Amino acid sequence: MKTTLTWLGHSAWQLETAGLNVLIDPFFTGNPKASVSAADVKADFILISHGHGDHIGDTVAIAQRTGATCIATFEITEWLRKQGVPRVHPMNTGGARTFPFGNLKFTIAHHTSMLPDGSNGGNPVGFLIRLQDGRKIYHAADTGLFYDMKLIGDEGIDLAILPIGDNFTMGPDDALRAVRLIQPQRVIPTHFGTWDLIAQDARAWAQRVQAETATATTVLQPGESWNF
């Protein structure tokens, strides 16, 4: 089964699998690195890792236009209902559920989660996605390094998507340590380069990963895709 992952800029991703479009953290309006606009993107499902504006982004407008089901923590889905989003599915850390695109499990993430209006966004999460063909994707979302990444790695991760921007998330050194804990077949960096505050040399980081681990690397530019 062909699955295509497209980096849409910052921490926004599009997963095309099983004939469905799954958006992750669709932040486009106000994103200087966005490769698409909120008015043009396709979505059947939207996954939201936490409530910060650069992650929940354009979720409301996209969900209202497309009818996509928004999957997030209970606090965020309740907030989305109040904004007029018609289809939501609440989950929480450690819980898993099978959807048409595959099985989704919420992992822990060490970060914060406040919604744009100051509302409580609950706990931040990462995503462990088992596709219909059994391959597994771990999108860490915004997080610091934590040792339980080793437990996530025990699942047998085919692809990890890890933040490297530093300041708000793991930087390059801790992201390399995360690769050692997870031991994915391949890793792609995310959440870097959007602003000077999180500027990083992703290719230099990828070279370190390849020199010091057995994990392959792919570095994308916003708008570029990788076929899984």
Foldseek 3Di string as FASTA:
>chain_A
DKWKWAFQAQQWIWIQAPNFTEIFQDADVVFPQGPDDLVPDAHQEYEFQAADCSRCHCVLVNQVVHVHEYEAAPQVVVVSVVVPRDHYDHDDAQDWDADSQFIKHWHAAAAAHAHPVRHHTPGGTWIWGQGPVGAIETEGPAHEADLCLLVVLVSAHQEYEEEAQPPRGNHLVRVLVSCVSNVHQEYEYHNADRDPSRHDDRVVSQVVSVVPHNHHYDYDRNGDMDMD
